[in-house]
Amino acid sequence: MESQPLKYLKGRNLQPMPTRPLNVKSRCVHTDAVGTKTSLNLLVKNAEVKTFDAKVTIPKRGTCRFNLKEFKQVATLPNVLLEQNNGSGCTARMWEQGPKVTIAFTKCPASCEGQAFDYLWPIMVEAKSGRCF
């Protein structure tokens, strides 16, 4: 008996994504269908974060703000990892997923107003165009 996932993967030549330094540039503003407004200024060259300024406003919840001066970079590969300087455990992680770059936050309620962090989703950036969503 063959498991379902193996049945569908059989005969496909899937390869893992190569590990390479992250390169992305984005200066964007996006508002989604529920009114969450994202503003991002990001520059990463050869997995070195040069510019990082993000603001996410969640309707009726508050705003989260993240700035590179509050973080130190602690990893480059396979993912870029920033840790907040104040020892709170807040991290920002960046990685490639095909043509998109994901920026995700963990343990960062102090960077947000009220309960906004509970509603914060990762920021997605189209690597080629720099458009965020």
Protein backbone atom coordinates (compact mmCIF):
# COMPACT_ATOMS: atom_id res chain seq x y z
CA MET A 1 0.00 0.00 0.00
CA GLU A 2 1.39 3.42 -1.01
CA SER A 3 0.76 6.61 0.97
CA GLN A 4 -1.21 9.37 -0.78
CA PRO A 5 1.60 11.98 -0.87
CA LEU A 6 4.00 9.49 -2.50
CA LYS A 7 1.36 8.57 -5.05
CA TYR A 8 1.13 12.18 -6.25
CA LEU A 9 4.88 12.85 -6.15
CA LYS A 10 5.81 9.70 -8.05
CA GLY A 11 7.41 10.46 -11.40
CA ARG A 12 7.93 14.16 -10.65
CA ASN A 13 11.44 15.53 -10.56
CA LEU A 14 11.18 17.85 -7.54
CA GLN A 15 14.41 19.35 -6.27
CA PRO A 16 15.05 21.35 -3.09
CA MET A 17 15.53 25.08 -3.50
CA PRO A 18 19.22 25.96 -3.71
CA THR A 19 20.78 27.71 -0.73
CA ARG A 20 21.97 31.07 -1.98
CA PRO A 21 22.37 34.55 -0.52
CA LEU A 22 19.17 36.57 -0.42
CA ASN A 23 19.00 39.64 -2.68
CA VAL A 24 15.88 41.78 -2.64
CA LYS A 25 14.97 45.44 -2.91
CA SER A 26 11.53 46.77 -2.10
CA ARG A 27 9.93 50.10 -1.37
CA CYS A 28 6.22 49.48 -1.34
CA VAL A 29 2.86 50.22 0.24
CA HIS A 30 -0.01 47.75 0.10
CA THR A 31 -3.53 47.62 1.54
CA ASP A 32 -5.27 44.23 1.56
CA ALA A 33 -8.97 43.38 1.32
CA VAL A 34 -9.61 43.76 5.07
CA GLY A 35 -7.80 47.10 5.28
CA THR A 36 -4.42 46.01 6.69
CA LYS A 37 -1.88 48.52 5.41
CA THR A 38 1.74 47.47 4.94
CA SER A 39 4.57 49.91 4.28
CA LEU A 40 8.02 48.43 3.62
CA ASN A 41 11.46 49.77 2.76
CA LEU A 42 13.87 46.83 2.38
CA LEU A 43 17.29 46.30 0.85
CA VAL A 44 19.16 43.02 1.24
CA LYS A 45 22.39 42.46 -0.73
CA ASN A 46 24.15 39.09 -0.58
CA ALA A 47 22.16 38.19 2.55
CA GLU A 48 23.33 41.39 4.31
CA VAL A 49 20.42 43.59 5.43
CA LYS A 50 21.21 47.19 4.49
CA THR A 51 17.77 48.78 4.95
CA PHE A 52 14.76 47.48 6.85
CA ASP A 53 11.83 49.64 7.86
CA ALA A 54 8.37 48.05 8.11
CA LYS A 55 5.06 49.36 9.38
CA VAL A 56 1.88 47.28 9.44
CA THR A 57 -1.39 48.91 10.49
CA ILE A 58 -4.17 46.48 11.34
CA PRO A 59 -7.65 48.06 11.49
CA LYS A 60 -9.13 48.21 15.01
CA ARG A 61 -6.03 46.45 16.41
CA GLY A 62 -3.08 48.86 16.13
CA THR A 63 0.24 49.26 14.37
CA CYS A 64 3.46 47.25 14.40
CA ARG A 65 6.75 48.97 13.58
CA PHE A 66 10.13 47.41 12.84
CA ASN A 67 13.37 49.27 12.04
CA LEU A 68 16.86 47.95 11.34
CA LYS A 69 18.43 50.17 14.02
CA GLU A 70 16.53 48.12 16.65
CA PHE A 71 17.96 44.82 15.35
CA LYS A 72 21.26 43.03 14.85
CA GLN A 73 21.76 40.49 12.10
CA VAL A 74 22.71 37.09 13.51
CA ALA A 75 22.41 34.80 10.46
CA THR A 76 22.65 34.98 6.69
CA LEU A 77 22.15 31.43 5.37
CA PRO A 78 19.93 29.58 4.82
CA ASN A 79 17.69 32.41 6.12
CA VAL A 80 18.43 35.99 7.05
CA LEU A 81 17.75 36.37 10.77
CA LEU A 82 17.53 39.63 12.72
CA GLU A 83 17.25 39.74 16.52
CA GLN A 84 16.02 42.77 18.40
CA ASN A 85 18.75 44.48 20.46
CA ASN A 86 16.67 44.82 23.64
CA GLY A 87 16.79 41.11 24.53
CA SER A 88 13.04 40.62 24.10
CA GLY A 89 13.51 37.61 21.83
CA CYS A 90 11.82 39.41 18.92
CA THR A 91 13.12 38.12 15.58
CA ALA A 92 12.56 38.96 11.93
CA ARG A 93 13.34 36.12 9.52
CA MET A 94 13.58 36.50 5.73
CA TRP A 95 13.68 33.73 3.15
CA GLU A 96 12.98 32.98 -0.50
CA GLN A 97 10.02 30.91 -1.63
CA GLY A 98 10.28 30.61 -5.39
CA PRO A 99 9.75 34.11 -6.84
CA LYS A 100 8.68 35.55 -3.48
CA VAL A 101 10.47 36.63 -0.31
CA THR A 102 8.78 36.16 3.07
CA ILE A 103 9.45 38.34 6.11
CA ALA A 104 8.07 36.80 9.30
CA PHE A 105 8.15 38.01 12.90
CA THR A 106 8.21 36.03 16.16
CA LYS A 107 7.92 37.13 19.79
CA CYS A 108 7.44 40.81 18.91
CA PRO A 109 4.35 42.08 20.80
CA ALA A 110 6.42 44.95 22.28
CA SER A 111 6.89 46.32 18.74
CA CYS A 112 3.13 46.62 18.33
CA GLU A 113 0.28 48.59 19.85
CA GLY A 114 -2.38 46.70 21.80
CA GLN A 115 -3.02 43.21 20.47
CA ALA A 116 -1.87 43.99 16.91
CA PHE A 117 0.89 41.36 17.02
CA ASP A 118 -1.72 38.62 17.46
CA TYR A 119 -3.07 39.58 14.02
CA LEU A 120 0.24 40.20 12.24
CA TRP A 121 0.85 38.03 9.17
CA PRO A 122 4.21 37.70 7.37
CA ILE A 123 4.99 40.31 4.73
CA MET A 124 5.37 38.88 1.24
CA VAL A 125 7.49 40.59 -1.44
CA GLU A 126 7.74 39.75 -5.11
CA ALA A 127 11.54 39.45 -5.46
CA LYS A 128 11.76 40.62 -9.07
CA SER A 129 9.50 43.70 -8.91
CA GLY A 130 9.72 44.55 -5.19
CA ARG A 131 5.92 44.68 -4.93
CA CYS A 132 4.58 43.69 -1.51
CA PHE A 133 1.34 41.98 -0.55
